Amino acid sequence: MVAGDGLEGLSMTRLAAAVDYTPGALYRYFDSKDAILSRLVERILEDVRAGLDRSLALLPAKASPLAHVVALVDGYRAFARAEPHRFGLLAMTMADPRVLLQQPKDAEPVARAILAAMQPLGVALDQAAEAGQLSAGDVTERTLCLFAMLQGVLLLQKQARRAPGVLDVDRLAIGGTRTLLVGWGAKPRAVDAAVARAIGGRRPGGAS
């Protein structure tokens, strides 16, 4: 419903009819539309985190922290490619200027899930600084900056499908990551080596 009609397309009455419940029965499980949206976003973020963990597990044991950063970027790109509707819901909830989850009981689980999903990226950036691959800096700020860049680039996927010769989202994602890492003190050759180690001959996002 949300994928097809936006957030306004989701209502308790419409959902109850779709799953063959009475509205009253549905309210036994969720007390509001916000509660449903909260759980939807929370589940998506849990799956994002699981996908990022799988991306790290594919790396060689001695892969550098920079390779971890690139693998995580590629892992999120893979999620956006494989799950466009779920990625779209995440993007919609992040970009909407309205406060979509009014109650703390609905907003707090989503906030925890966001932090959990981004935690591996923060760890990799922090380890890269500790290893001297990046200059010292605010790891939270860097994590948010890299995530925001990646999220913005991935929003171009729809346009890229219509103009494949003009927009290459994979190239932009890796290029943006490279630019930020070099700006934070990484040596260009070290970043290129990390890209080669994390992605190899594959296209970013898991495609060959």
C-alpha atoms as a PDB file:
ATOM      1  CA  MET A   1       0.000   0.000   0.000  1.00  0.00           C
ATOM      2  CA  VAL A   2       2.748   2.429   0.917  1.00  0.00           C
ATOM      3  CA  ALA A   3       4.801   1.526  -2.152  1.00  0.00           C
ATOM      4  CA  GLY A   4       1.847   2.071  -4.431  1.00  0.00           C
ATOM      5  CA  ASP A   5       0.080   5.025  -2.847  1.00  0.00           C
ATOM      6  CA  GLY A   6       2.510   6.644  -0.415  1.00  0.00           C
ATOM      7  CA  LEU A   7       2.098   6.963   3.312  1.00  0.00           C
ATOM      8  CA  GLU A   8      -1.389   8.376   2.844  1.00  0.00           C
ATOM      9  CA  GLY A   9      -2.367   5.112   1.162  1.00  0.00           C
ATOM     10  CA  LEU A  10      -1.989   3.210   4.435  1.00  0.00           C
ATOM     11  CA  SER A  11      -4.974   3.220   6.770  1.00  0.00           C
ATOM     12  CA  MET A  12      -6.150   0.847   9.451  1.00  0.00           C
ATOM     13  CA  THR A  13      -9.470   0.301   7.695  1.00  0.00           C
ATOM     14  CA  ARG A  14      -7.892  -0.424   4.333  1.00  0.00           C
ATOM     15  CA  LEU A  15      -5.272  -2.710   5.846  1.00  0.00           C
ATOM     16  CA  ALA A  16      -7.854  -4.633   7.853  1.00  0.00           C
ATOM     17  CA  ALA A  17      -9.855  -5.255   4.674  1.00  0.00           C
ATOM     18  CA  ALA A  18      -6.724  -6.388   2.786  1.00  0.00           C
ATOM     19  CA  VAL A  19      -5.801  -9.014   5.404  1.00  0.00           C
ATOM     20  CA  ASP A  20      -9.430 -10.048   6.048  1.00  0.00           C
ATOM     21  CA  TYR A  21      -9.578  -8.700   9.594  1.00  0.00           C
ATOM     22  CA  THR A  22     -12.099  -6.415  11.164  1.00  0.00           C
ATOM     23  CA  PRO A  23     -10.582  -3.061  12.150  1.00  0.00           C
ATOM     24  CA  GLY A  24     -11.217  -3.959  15.782  1.00  0.00           C
ATOM     25  CA  ALA A  25      -9.248  -7.190  15.445  1.00  0.00           C
ATOM     26  CA  LEU A  26      -6.339  -5.364  13.823  1.00  0.00           C
ATOM     27  CA  TYR A  27      -6.222  -2.922  16.730  1.00  0.00           C
ATOM     28  CA  ARG A  28      -5.437  -5.834  19.048  1.00  0.00           C
ATOM     29  CA  TYR A  29      -2.022  -6.042  17.348  1.00  0.00           C
ATOM     30  CA  PHE A  30      -1.340  -2.394  16.467  1.00  0.00           C
ATOM     31  CA  ASP A  31      -2.972   0.515  18.225  1.00  0.00           C
ATOM     32  CA  SER A  32      -2.430   2.991  15.385  1.00  0.00           C
ATOM     33  CA  LYS A  33      -1.191   3.534  11.859  1.00  0.00           C
ATOM     34  CA  ASP A  34       1.979   4.990  13.391  1.00  0.00           C
ATOM     35  CA  ALA A  35       2.608   1.728  15.210  1.00  0.00           C
ATOM     36  CA  ILE A  36       2.387  -0.179  11.923  1.00  0.00           C
ATOM     37  CA  LEU A  37       4.711   2.248  10.164  1.00  0.00           C
ATOM     38  CA  SER A  38       7.167   2.079  13.053  1.00  0.00           C
ATOM     39  CA  ARG A  39       7.312  -1.702  12.892  1.00  0.00           C
ATOM     40  CA  LEU A  40       7.645  -1.685   9.094  1.00  0.00           C
ATOM     41  CA  VAL A  41      10.629   0.670   9.209  1.00  0.00           C
ATOM     42  CA  GLU A  42      12.158  -1.169  12.152  1.00  0.00           C
ATOM     43  CA  ARG A  43      11.969  -4.513  10.313  1.00  0.00           C
ATOM     44  CA  ILE A  44      13.520  -2.990   7.184  1.00  0.00           C
ATOM     45  CA  LEU A  45      16.394  -1.533   9.194  1.00  0.00           C
ATOM     46  CA  GLU A  46      16.948  -4.881  10.900  1.00  0.00           C
ATOM     47  CA  ASP A  47      17.283  -6.469   7.463  1.00  0.00           C
ATOM     48  CA  VAL A  48      19.631  -3.681   6.349  1.00  0.00           C
ATOM     49  CA  ARG A  49      21.869  -4.410   9.330  1.00  0.00           C
ATOM     50  CA  ALA A  50      21.829  -8.142   8.575  1.00  0.00           C
ATOM     51  CA  GLY A  51      22.802  -7.435   4.965  1.00  0.00           C
ATOM     52  CA  LEU A  52      25.674  -5.201   6.047  1.00  0.00           C
ATOM     53  CA  ASP A  53      26.931  -7.898   8.396  1.00  0.00           C
ATOM     54  CA  ARG A  54      26.887 -10.368   5.498  1.00  0.00           C
ATOM     55  CA  SER A  55      28.895  -7.937   3.362  1.00  0.00           C
ATOM     56  CA  LEU A  56      31.586  -7.760   6.043  1.00  0.00           C
ATOM     57  CA  ALA A  57      31.606 -11.539   6.431  1.00  0.00           C
ATOM     58  CA  LEU A  58      32.586 -11.894   2.753  1.00  0.00           C
ATOM     59  CA  LEU A  59      35.793  -9.916   3.244  1.00  0.00           C
ATOM     60  CA  PRO A  60      39.141 -11.652   3.815  1.00  0.00           C
ATOM     61  CA  ALA A  61      40.181 -11.759   7.445  1.00  0.00           C
ATOM     62  CA  LYS A  62      43.018  -9.265   6.895  1.00  0.00           C
ATOM     63  CA  ALA A  63      40.972  -6.739   4.918  1.00  0.00           C
ATOM     64  CA  SER A  64      41.708  -3.153   5.904  1.00  0.00           C
ATOM     65  CA  PRO A  65      39.230  -0.915   7.713  1.00  0.00           C
ATOM     66  CA  LEU A  66      38.887   1.067   4.483  1.00  0.00           C
ATOM     67  CA  ALA A  67      37.850  -2.139   2.716  1.00  0.00           C
ATOM     68  CA  HIS A  68      35.234  -2.590   5.437  1.00  0.00           C
ATOM     69  CA  VAL A  69      33.884   0.888   4.695  1.00  0.00           C
ATOM     70  CA  VAL A  70      33.660   0.139   0.966  1.00  0.00           C
ATOM     71  CA  ALA A  71      32.035  -3.254   1.608  1.00  0.00           C
ATOM     72  CA  LEU A  72      29.383  -1.611   3.769  1.00  0.00           C
ATOM     73  CA  VAL A  73      28.671   1.002   1.099  1.00  0.00           C
ATOM     74  CA  ASP A  74      28.359  -1.781  -1.457  1.00  0.00           C
ATOM     75  CA  GLY A  75      26.134  -3.768   0.908  1.00  0.00           C
ATOM     76  CA  TYR A  76      23.686  -0.914   1.292  1.00  0.00           C
ATOM     77  CA  ARG A  77      23.734  -0.379  -2.466  1.00  0.00           C
ATOM     78  CA  ALA A  78      22.889  -4.073  -2.874  1.00  0.00           C
ATOM     79  CA  PHE A  79      19.925  -3.701  -0.519  1.00  0.00           C
ATOM     80  CA  ALA A  80      18.606  -0.702  -2.453  1.00  0.00           C
ATOM     81  CA  ARG A  81      18.932  -2.632  -5.713  1.00  0.00           C
ATOM     82  CA  ALA A  82      17.316  -5.828  -4.439  1.00  0.00           C
ATOM     83  CA  GLU A  83      14.563  -4.191  -2.351  1.00  0.00           C
ATOM     84  CA  PRO A  84      13.500  -1.011  -4.167  1.00  0.00           C
ATOM     85  CA  HIS A  85      10.099  -0.756  -2.449  1.00  0.00           C
ATOM     86  CA  ARG A  86      11.548  -1.200   1.032  1.00  0.00           C
ATOM     87  CA  PHE A  87      14.380   1.202   0.257  1.00  0.00           C
ATOM     88  CA  GLY A  88      11.750   3.620  -1.029  1.00  0.00           C
ATOM     89  CA  LEU A  89       9.836   3.421   2.245  1.00  0.00           C
ATOM     90  CA  LEU A  90      13.008   4.216   4.181  1.00  0.00           C
ATOM     91  CA  ALA A  91      13.756   7.128   1.879  1.00  0.00           C
ATOM     92  CA  MET A  92      10.175   8.367   2.174  1.00  0.00           C
ATOM     93  CA  THR A  93      10.197   8.352   5.961  1.00  0.00           C
ATOM     94  CA  MET A  94      13.600  10.091   6.092  1.00  0.00           C
ATOM     95  CA  ALA A  95      12.798  12.759   3.513  1.00  0.00           C
ATOM     96  CA  ASP A  96       9.273  13.682   4.581  1.00  0.00           C
ATOM     97  CA  PRO A  97       9.468  16.993   6.483  1.00  0.00           C
ATOM     98  CA  ARG A  98       6.522  15.999   8.675  1.00  0.00           C
ATOM     99  CA  VAL A  99       7.009  14.247  12.004  1.00  0.00           C
ATOM    100  CA  LEU A 100       5.596  10.900  10.950  1.00  0.00           C
ATOM    101  CA  LEU A 101       5.897   9.103  14.286  1.00  0.00           C
ATOM    102  CA  GLN A 102       4.412  11.360  16.926  1.00  0.00           C
ATOM    103  CA  GLN A 103       4.581   9.083  19.963  1.00  0.00           C
ATOM    104  CA  PRO A 104       7.900   8.131  21.641  1.00  0.00           C
ATOM    105  CA  LYS A 105       6.787   4.496  21.821  1.00  0.00           C
ATOM    106  CA  ASP A 106       6.656   4.455  18.010  1.00  0.00           C
ATOM    107  CA  ALA A 107       9.655   6.697  17.291  1.00  0.00           C
ATOM    108  CA  GLU A 108      12.162   5.244  19.757  1.00  0.00           C
ATOM    109  CA  PRO A 109      12.382   1.723  18.266  1.00  0.00           C
ATOM    110  CA  VAL A 110      13.036   3.254  14.848  1.00  0.00           C
ATOM    111  CA  ALA A 111      15.753   5.510  16.275  1.00  0.00           C
ATOM    112  CA  ARG A 112      17.439   2.498  17.889  1.00  0.00           C
ATOM    113  CA  ALA A 113      17.196   0.547  14.639  1.00  0.00           C
ATOM    114  CA  ILE A 114      18.780   3.408  12.668  1.00  0.00           C
ATOM    115  CA  LEU A 115      21.698   3.561  15.097  1.00  0.00           C
ATOM    116  CA  ALA A 116      22.115  -0.220  14.963  1.00  0.00           C
ATOM    117  CA  ALA A 117      22.074  -0.214  11.162  1.00  0.00           C
ATOM    118  CA  MET A 118      24.747   2.493  10.928  1.00  0.00           C
ATOM    119  CA  GLN A 119      26.905   1.092  13.730  1.00  0.00           C
ATOM    120  CA  PRO A 120      29.147  -1.095  11.509  1.00  0.00           C
ATOM    121  CA  LEU A 121      29.968   1.918   9.333  1.00  0.00           C
ATOM    122  CA  GLY A 122      30.914   3.966  12.376  1.00  0.00           C
ATOM    123  CA  VAL A 123      33.107   1.152  13.667  1.00  0.00           C
ATOM    124  CA  ALA A 124      34.891   0.801  10.317  1.00  0.00           C
ATOM    125  CA  LEU A 125      35.538   4.554  10.066  1.00  0.00           C
ATOM    126  CA  ASP A 126      36.804   4.649  13.641  1.00  0.00           C
ATOM    127  CA  GLN A 127      39.123   1.699  13.024  1.00  0.00           C
ATOM    128  CA  ALA A 128      40.429   3.345   9.862  1.00  0.00           C
ATOM    129  CA  ALA A 129      41.364   6.438  11.876  1.00  0.00           C
ATOM    130  CA  GLU A 130      42.986   4.323  14.589  1.00  0.00           C
ATOM    131  CA  ALA A 131      45.018   2.484  11.929  1.00  0.00           C
ATOM    132  CA  GLY A 132      46.209   5.783  10.441  1.00  0.00           C
ATOM    133  CA  GLN A 133      44.285   5.271   7.210  1.00  0.00           C
ATOM    134  CA  LEU A 134      42.182   8.347   7.979  1.00  0.00           C
ATOM    135  CA  SER A 135      43.021  11.499   9.875  1.00  0.00           C
ATOM    136  CA  ALA A 136      41.446  12.000  13.283  1.00  0.00           C
ATOM    137  CA  GLY A 137      37.879  13.271  13.154  1.00  0.00           C
ATOM    138  CA  ASP A 138      34.367  13.024  14.537  1.00  0.00           C
ATOM    139  CA  VAL A 139      33.256   9.491  13.676  1.00  0.00           C
ATOM    140  CA  THR A 140      29.558  10.267  14.179  1.00  0.00           C
ATOM    141  CA  GLU A 141      29.738  13.209  11.805  1.00  0.00           C
ATOM    142  CA  ARG A 142      31.604  11.133   9.233  1.00  0.00           C
ATOM    143  CA  THR A 143      29.150   8.250   9.511  1.00  0.00           C
ATOM    144  CA  LEU A 144      26.180  10.536   8.972  1.00  0.00           C
ATOM    145  CA  CYS A 145      27.895  12.384   6.122  1.00  0.00           C
ATOM    146  CA  LEU A 146      28.785   9.173   4.276  1.00  0.00           C
ATOM    147  CA  PHE A 147      25.325   7.717   4.828  1.00  0.00           C
ATOM    148  CA  ALA A 148      23.634  10.922   3.653  1.00  0.00           C
ATOM    149  CA  MET A 149      25.756  10.979   0.488  1.00  0.00           C
ATOM    150  CA  LEU A 150      24.959   7.354  -0.247  1.00  0.00           C
ATOM    151  CA  GLN A 151      21.250   7.764   0.480  1.00  0.00           C
ATOM    152  CA  GLY A 152      21.064  10.746  -1.850  1.00  0.00           C
ATOM    153  CA  VAL A 153      22.879   8.978  -4.673  1.00  0.00           C
ATOM    154  CA  LEU A 154      20.712   5.878  -4.362  1.00  0.00           C
ATOM    155  CA  LEU A 155      17.596   7.998  -4.776  1.00  0.00           C
ATOM    156  CA  LEU A 156      18.707   8.482  -8.384  1.00  0.00           C
ATOM    157  CA  GLN A 157      18.073   4.816  -9.226  1.00  0.00           C
ATOM    158  CA  LYS A 158      14.698   5.517 -10.800  1.00  0.00           C
ATOM    159  CA  GLN A 159      16.152   8.190 -13.060  1.00  0.00           C
ATOM    160  CA  ALA A 160      19.165   6.006 -13.822  1.00  0.00           C
ATOM    161  CA  ARG A 161      16.939   3.261 -15.194  1.00  0.00           C
ATOM    162  CA  ARG A 162      15.499   5.749 -17.660  1.00  0.00           C
ATOM    163  CA  ALA A 163      18.867   7.266 -18.586  1.00  0.00           C
ATOM    164  CA  PRO A 164      21.427   4.452 -18.217  1.00  0.00           C
ATOM    165  CA  GLY A 165      23.978   6.215 -20.375  1.00  0.00           C
ATOM    166  CA  VAL A 166      23.820   9.383 -18.304  1.00  0.00           C
ATOM    167  CA  LEU A 167      23.506   8.242 -14.685  1.00  0.00           C
ATOM    168  CA  ASP A 168      25.607   5.417 -13.241  1.00  0.00           C
ATOM    169  CA  VAL A 169      24.484   5.099  -9.640  1.00  0.00           C
ATOM    170  CA  ASP A 170      27.091   2.446  -8.827  1.00  0.00           C
ATOM    171  CA  ARG A 171      29.920   4.644 -10.058  1.00  0.00           C
ATOM    172  CA  LEU A 172      28.539   7.673  -8.223  1.00  0.00           C
ATOM    173  CA  ALA A 173      28.230   5.744  -4.950  1.00  0.00           C
ATOM    174  CA  ILE A 174      31.796   4.492  -5.043  1.00  0.00           C
ATOM    175  CA  GLY A 175      33.112   7.793  -6.403  1.00  0.00           C
ATOM    176  CA  GLY A 176      31.381   9.740  -3.650  1.00  0.00           C
ATOM    177  CA  THR A 177      32.750   7.347  -1.035  1.00  0.00           C
ATOM    178  CA  ARG A 178      36.247   7.704  -2.464  1.00  0.00           C
ATOM    179  CA  THR A 179      36.014  11.500  -2.448  1.00  0.00           C
ATOM    180  CA  LEU A 180      34.911  11.614   1.185  1.00  0.00           C
ATOM    181  CA  LEU A 181      37.570   9.151   2.343  1.00  0.00           C
ATOM    182  CA  VAL A 182      40.344  11.047   0.562  1.00  0.00           C
ATOM    183  CA  GLY A 183      38.983  14.270   2.033  1.00  0.00           C
ATOM    184  CA  TRP A 184      39.245  12.695   5.478  1.00  0.00           C
ATOM    185  CA  GLY A 185      42.923  11.923   4.929  1.00  0.00           C
ATOM    186  CA  ALA A 186      42.980   8.565   3.160  1.00  0.00           C
ATOM    187  CA  LYS A 187      45.616   8.035   0.488  1.00  0.00           C
ATOM    188  CA  PRO A 188      44.000   7.637  -2.943  1.00  0.00           C
ATOM    189  CA  ARG A 189      45.919   4.420  -3.606  1.00  0.00           C
ATOM    190  CA  ALA A 190      44.767   2.970  -0.299  1.00  0.00           C
ATOM    191  CA  VAL A 191      41.142   3.729  -1.176  1.00  0.00           C
ATOM    192  CA  ASP A 192      41.562   2.195  -4.636  1.00  0.00           C
ATOM    193  CA  ALA A 193      43.073  -0.914  -3.037  1.00  0.00           C
ATOM    194  CA  ALA A 194      40.151  -1.076  -0.608  1.00  0.00           C
ATOM    195  CA  VAL A 195      37.667  -0.866  -3.486  1.00  0.00           C
ATOM    196  CA  ALA A 196      39.522  -3.652  -5.301  1.00  0.00           C
ATOM    197  CA  ARG A 197      39.545  -5.798  -2.165  1.00  0.00           C
ATOM    198  CA  ALA A 198      35.910  -5.216  -1.227  1.00  0.00           C
ATOM    199  CA  ILE A 199      34.362  -5.327  -4.702  1.00  0.00           C
ATOM    200  CA  GLY A 200      37.010  -6.888  -6.927  1.00  0.00           C
ATOM    201  CA  GLY A 201      35.842  -7.451 -10.492  1.00  0.00           C
ATOM    202  CA  ARG A 202      32.178  -7.157  -9.527  1.00  0.00           C
ATOM    203  CA  ARG A 203      30.009  -4.193 -10.207  1.00  0.00           C
ATOM    204  CA  PRO A 204      29.143  -2.366  -6.959  1.00  0.00           C
ATOM    205  CA  GLY A 205      25.965  -3.666  -5.383  1.00  0.00           C
ATOM    206  CA  GLY A 206      26.769  -7.308  -6.001  1.00  0.00           C
ATOM    207  CA  ALA A 207      26.252  -7.429  -9.790  1.00  0.00           C
ATOM    208  CA  SER A 208      28.828  -9.079 -11.986  1.00  0.00           C
END
